[in-house]
């Protein structure tokens, strides 16, 4: 059953401390310590007074979430995802697991657990961003303010970033099945994410109005959706481009997931 497969994958991940830390906990911690280090540097090295300076918690959280699926963050997320997706190839345990459950359930469970792990990683990002903002405000004497952005905007950016990360996880599933290697999944996803960023920036600059060429790029879709969530006027009065961007992003996730499952079902695992 699918529930049994999910429970088994969750159990394995919770005991794989290396994948859990490096894949889903390391990047948020690095951002936290860099933020604190920056505030300490300003206070003790530059010693620049900041009278009247303020810090907006909502803006800080949205900025951190917007960077949650950037190229560097994606590197660590895909390390964790690849460990889950290709670990059975590495340890040659597929032939022991496939008689106990269907291949669809086994691979779907892995993707569901990756989705859960990414969700918790983004929650950790939010918590550490708030902590860093409060600590930084105390270090440099900044006033904490509340902007017009609220929980709905934060939740919207959170969901969009999660979907963007899941599109990369679905791609990692395809690569892991084909290459049977965690390293291949990490490298391919990192290169694809980097190329997406370059193409999204270049095509977006050439075409102020979204076209099908740029809407086909998941990274551009995610940026457009985040901009629409925080400022709906960015996508026009009817929000049409944002709606298409959401459909394309969901389409990529569905297509890559289906592709990984089809490839996995046809794979010979007698030696894996």
Protein backbone atom coordinates (compact mmCIF):
# COMPACT_ATOMS: atom_id res chain seq x y z
CA UNK A 1 0.00 0.00 0.00
CA UNK A 2 1.04 3.58 -0.60
CA UNK A 3 0.69 4.48 3.09
CA UNK A 4 3.09 1.70 4.05
CA UNK A 5 5.61 2.83 1.44
CA UNK A 6 5.39 6.45 2.68
CA UNK A 7 5.90 5.35 6.29
CA UNK A 8 8.92 3.28 5.29
CA UNK A 9 10.52 6.14 3.32
CA UNK A 10 9.86 8.59 6.13
CA UNK A 11 11.44 6.18 8.61
CA UNK A 12 14.53 5.78 6.43
CA UNK A 13 14.95 9.52 5.92
CA UNK A 14 14.65 10.33 9.61
CA UNK A 15 17.51 7.93 10.28
CA UNK A 16 19.65 9.18 7.43
CA UNK A 17 21.00 12.14 9.37
CA UNK A 18 23.50 13.11 6.71
CA UNK A 19 20.86 13.50 3.98
CA UNK A 20 18.47 15.16 6.41
CA UNK A 21 21.00 17.76 7.54
CA UNK A 22 22.87 18.51 4.30
CA UNK A 23 19.83 18.26 2.08
CA UNK A 24 17.15 20.06 4.04
CA UNK A 25 18.71 21.81 7.05
CA UNK A 26 22.09 23.14 5.99
CA UNK A 27 21.04 25.94 3.60
CA UNK A 28 18.60 27.63 6.04
CA UNK A 29 21.24 27.47 8.78
CA UNK A 30 23.88 29.05 6.52
CA UNK A 31 21.53 31.92 5.65
CA UNK A 32 20.79 32.43 9.36
CA UNK A 33 24.44 32.61 10.41
CA UNK A 34 25.36 34.84 7.46
CA UNK A 35 22.61 37.27 8.44
CA UNK A 36 23.80 37.38 12.06
CA UNK A 37 27.41 37.69 10.91
CA UNK A 38 26.50 40.61 8.67
CA UNK A 39 24.80 42.45 11.52
CA UNK A 40 27.77 41.85 13.83
CA UNK A 41 30.14 43.06 11.11
CA UNK A 42 28.19 46.30 10.71
CA UNK A 43 28.12 46.89 14.46
CA UNK A 44 31.67 45.95 15.46
CA UNK A 45 33.79 46.52 12.34
CA UNK A 46 32.14 49.26 10.33
CA UNK A 47 30.61 50.82 13.46
CA UNK A 48 28.12 52.73 11.39
CA UNK A 49 25.23 54.19 13.42
CA UNK A 50 21.80 53.39 12.02
CA UNK A 51 19.41 55.95 13.52
CA UNK A 52 15.80 55.40 12.55
CA UNK A 53 16.57 52.15 10.70
CA UNK A 54 13.74 49.65 10.54
CA UNK A 55 13.33 46.01 9.62
CA UNK A 56 10.16 44.54 8.12
CA UNK A 57 9.62 40.93 9.16
CA UNK A 58 7.18 40.12 6.37
CA UNK A 59 9.53 41.46 3.69
CA UNK A 60 12.44 39.51 5.16
CA UNK A 61 10.43 36.26 5.18
CA UNK A 62 9.19 36.71 1.61
CA UNK A 63 12.72 37.50 0.41
CA UNK A 64 14.08 34.38 2.13
CA UNK A 65 11.32 32.19 0.70
CA UNK A 66 11.91 33.64 -2.75
CA UNK A 67 15.52 32.44 -2.51
CA UNK A 68 14.44 29.03 -1.20
CA UNK A 69 14.70 27.39 -4.63
CA UNK A 70 17.56 29.46 -6.03
CA UNK A 71 20.49 27.71 -7.67
CA UNK A 72 22.53 27.39 -4.46
CA UNK A 73 19.54 26.36 -2.34
CA UNK A 74 18.51 23.87 -5.03
CA UNK A 75 21.95 22.28 -4.82
CA UNK A 76 21.40 21.19 -1.23
CA UNK A 77 17.74 20.31 -1.72
CA UNK A 78 18.68 18.04 -4.61
CA UNK A 79 21.40 16.40 -2.52
CA UNK A 80 18.69 15.33 -0.11
CA UNK A 81 16.26 14.40 -2.88
CA UNK A 82 18.86 12.38 -4.80
CA UNK A 83 19.79 10.50 -1.64
CA UNK A 84 16.17 9.42 -1.25
CA UNK A 85 15.54 8.71 -4.93
CA UNK A 86 18.76 6.89 -5.83
CA UNK A 87 19.77 5.39 -2.50
CA UNK A 88 18.29 2.01 -3.40
CA UNK A 89 20.38 1.91 -6.59
CA UNK A 90 23.50 2.70 -4.62
CA UNK A 91 22.92 0.00 -2.00
CA UNK A 92 21.34 -2.43 -4.48
CA UNK A 93 18.19 -2.92 -2.41
CA UNK A 94 15.50 -2.49 -5.08
CA UNK A 95 15.32 -6.22 -5.73
CA UNK A 96 14.49 -6.72 -2.05
CA UNK A 97 11.79 -4.04 -1.97
CA UNK A 98 9.90 -4.46 -5.24
CA UNK A 99 8.34 -7.85 -4.27
CA UNK A 100 6.77 -6.18 -1.22
CA UNK A 101 5.00 -3.27 -2.91
CA UNK A 102 4.13 -1.94 -6.35
CA UNK A 103 6.67 0.16 -8.21
CA UNK A 104 4.21 3.03 -8.46
CA UNK A 105 3.81 3.10 -4.68
CA UNK A 106 7.54 2.87 -4.04
CA UNK A 107 8.49 5.79 -6.28
CA UNK A 108 5.44 7.89 -5.41
CA UNK A 109 6.28 7.45 -1.72
CA UNK A 110 9.77 8.78 -2.31
CA UNK A 111 8.43 11.91 -4.03
CA UNK A 112 5.84 12.47 -1.30
CA UNK A 113 8.48 12.22 1.42
CA UNK A 114 10.72 14.61 -0.53
CA UNK A 115 7.78 17.02 -0.69
CA UNK A 116 7.36 16.75 3.08
CA UNK A 117 11.08 17.33 3.65
CA UNK A 118 11.11 20.40 1.39
CA UNK A 119 8.04 21.69 3.23
CA UNK A 120 9.81 21.41 6.58
CA UNK A 121 12.95 22.96 5.13
CA UNK A 122 10.95 26.01 4.04
CA UNK A 123 9.30 26.21 7.46
CA UNK A 124 12.77 26.13 9.03
CA UNK A 125 13.77 28.92 6.64
CA UNK A 126 10.87 31.06 7.83
CA UNK A 127 11.63 30.44 11.50
CA UNK A 128 15.35 31.16 11.18
CA UNK A 129 14.67 34.27 9.07
CA UNK A 130 12.39 35.66 11.77
CA UNK A 131 14.95 34.81 14.46
CA UNK A 132 17.78 36.45 12.47
CA UNK A 133 15.67 39.56 11.86
CA UNK A 134 14.82 39.95 15.55
CA UNK A 135 18.41 39.32 16.66
CA UNK A 136 19.75 41.68 14.00
CA UNK A 137 17.33 44.38 15.08
CA UNK A 138 18.62 44.05 18.63
CA UNK A 139 22.27 44.12 17.55
CA UNK A 140 21.98 47.29 15.45
CA UNK A 141 19.11 48.98 17.27
CA UNK A 142 16.65 48.67 14.39
CA UNK A 143 12.92 49.05 14.92
CA UNK A 144 10.73 46.13 13.87
CA UNK A 145 7.81 47.24 11.70
CA UNK A 146 4.87 45.54 10.02
CA UNK A 147 4.23 46.25 6.34
CA UNK A 148 1.08 45.88 4.31
CA UNK A 149 2.20 42.38 3.34
CA UNK A 150 0.46 39.79 5.46
CA UNK A 151 0.10 36.08 6.04
CA UNK A 152 -1.71 35.53 2.73
CA UNK A 153 1.24 36.90 0.73
CA UNK A 154 3.73 34.87 2.77
CA UNK A 155 1.63 31.72 2.31
CA UNK A 156 1.38 32.34 -1.43
CA UNK A 157 5.14 32.77 -1.86
CA UNK A 158 5.68 29.70 0.34
CA UNK A 159 3.47 27.53 -1.91
CA UNK A 160 5.04 28.83 -5.13
CA UNK A 161 8.58 28.13 -3.88
CA UNK A 162 7.52 24.65 -2.77
CA UNK A 163 6.09 23.96 -6.24
CA UNK A 164 9.28 25.22 -7.87
CA UNK A 165 11.39 22.93 -5.69
CA UNK A 166 9.07 20.00 -6.45
CA UNK A 167 9.54 20.54 -10.19
CA UNK A 168 13.25 20.01 -9.63
CA UNK A 169 12.56 16.98 -7.44
CA UNK A 170 10.44 15.45 -10.20
CA UNK A 171 13.30 16.05 -12.64
CA UNK A 172 15.69 14.44 -10.16
CA UNK A 173 13.40 11.39 -10.08
CA UNK A 174 13.65 11.00 -13.86
CA UNK A 175 17.44 11.38 -13.84
CA UNK A 176 17.88 9.05 -10.85
CA UNK A 177 15.85 6.32 -12.57
CA UNK A 178 17.71 6.65 -15.86
CA UNK A 179 21.25 7.15 -14.51
CA UNK A 180 20.80 5.11 -11.29
CA UNK A 181 23.14 7.58 -9.60
CA UNK A 182 22.60 10.25 -6.89
CA UNK A 183 25.44 12.37 -8.28
CA UNK A 184 23.91 12.45 -11.75
CA UNK A 185 20.57 13.64 -10.34
CA UNK A 186 22.26 16.43 -8.37
CA UNK A 187 24.45 17.63 -11.25
CA UNK A 188 21.69 17.58 -13.86
CA UNK A 189 19.22 19.42 -11.62
CA UNK A 190 21.85 22.01 -10.69
CA UNK A 191 22.74 22.65 -14.34
CA UNK A 192 19.07 22.80 -15.36
CA UNK A 193 18.29 25.28 -12.55
CA UNK A 194 21.25 27.46 -13.53
CA UNK A 195 20.29 27.44 -17.22
CA UNK A 196 16.69 28.25 -16.30
CA UNK A 197 17.85 31.31 -14.36
CA UNK A 198 19.94 32.55 -17.30
CA UNK A 199 17.18 31.96 -19.87
CA UNK A 200 14.48 33.46 -17.65
CA UNK A 201 16.53 36.63 -17.18
CA UNK A 202 17.51 36.94 -20.83
CA UNK A 203 14.12 36.18 -22.37
CA UNK A 204 12.32 38.19 -19.70
CA UNK A 205 14.44 41.24 -20.55
CA UNK A 206 13.79 40.79 -24.27
CA UNK A 207 10.04 40.32 -23.85
CA UNK A 208 8.45 42.55 -21.18
CA UNK A 209 5.13 40.79 -21.81
CA UNK A 210 5.19 37.05 -20.98
CA UNK A 211 5.30 34.80 -24.04
CA UNK A 212 5.04 31.03 -24.38
CA UNK A 213 8.81 30.78 -24.65
CA UNK A 214 9.39 32.27 -21.21
CA UNK A 215 6.28 30.71 -19.68
CA UNK A 216 7.72 27.29 -20.54
CA UNK A 217 10.57 27.94 -18.05
CA UNK A 218 9.61 26.83 -14.50
CA UNK A 219 11.97 29.34 -12.85
CA UNK A 220 10.32 32.21 -14.74
CA UNK A 221 6.86 30.92 -13.83
CA UNK A 222 7.80 30.80 -10.16
CA UNK A 223 9.20 34.35 -10.24
CA UNK A 224 6.07 35.60 -12.03
CA UNK A 225 3.80 33.90 -9.50
CA UNK A 226 5.75 35.28 -6.53
CA UNK A 227 5.54 38.78 -8.03
CA UNK A 228 1.81 38.34 -8.61
CA UNK A 229 1.22 37.14 -5.04
CA UNK A 230 3.02 40.12 -3.51
CA UNK A 231 1.84 42.66 -6.12
CA UNK A 232 -1.12 41.44 -8.24
CA UNK A 233 -0.85 44.39 -10.62
CA UNK A 234 2.41 42.89 -11.93
CA UNK A 235 0.48 40.32 -13.97
CA UNK A 236 -2.17 42.67 -15.28
CA UNK A 237 -5.72 43.33 -14.13
CA UNK A 238 -7.00 39.83 -14.89
CA UNK A 239 -3.90 37.97 -13.71
CA UNK A 240 -3.92 35.91 -16.92
CA UNK A 241 -0.14 35.36 -17.21
CA UNK A 242 0.01 34.27 -13.58
CA UNK A 243 -2.73 31.72 -14.20
CA UNK A 244 -0.88 30.28 -17.18
CA UNK A 245 2.37 30.27 -15.21
CA UNK A 246 0.73 28.20 -12.47
CA UNK A 247 -0.68 25.73 -15.00
CA UNK A 248 2.69 25.34 -16.72
CA UNK A 249 4.49 24.82 -13.41
CA UNK A 250 1.98 22.18 -12.34
CA UNK A 251 2.21 20.62 -15.81
CA UNK A 252 5.98 20.25 -15.51
CA UNK A 253 5.62 18.55 -12.12
CA UNK A 254 2.94 16.17 -13.39
CA UNK A 255 4.77 15.35 -16.64
CA UNK A 256 8.14 14.71 -15.00
CA UNK A 257 6.56 12.65 -12.22
CA UNK A 258 4.63 10.56 -14.73
CA UNK A 259 7.76 10.11 -16.82
CA UNK A 260 9.78 8.92 -13.84
CA UNK A 261 7.07 6.41 -12.87
CA UNK A 262 6.75 5.06 -16.42
CA UNK A 263 10.52 4.64 -16.74
CA UNK A 264 10.74 3.01 -13.32
CA UNK A 265 7.99 0.51 -14.12
CA UNK A 266 9.85 -0.62 -17.24
CA UNK A 267 13.24 -0.88 -15.58
CA UNK A 268 15.05 -4.14 -14.97
CA UNK A 269 15.87 -4.28 -11.26
CA UNK A 270 17.07 -7.85 -10.99
CA UNK A 271 20.59 -6.65 -10.24
CA UNK A 272 19.67 -3.54 -8.29
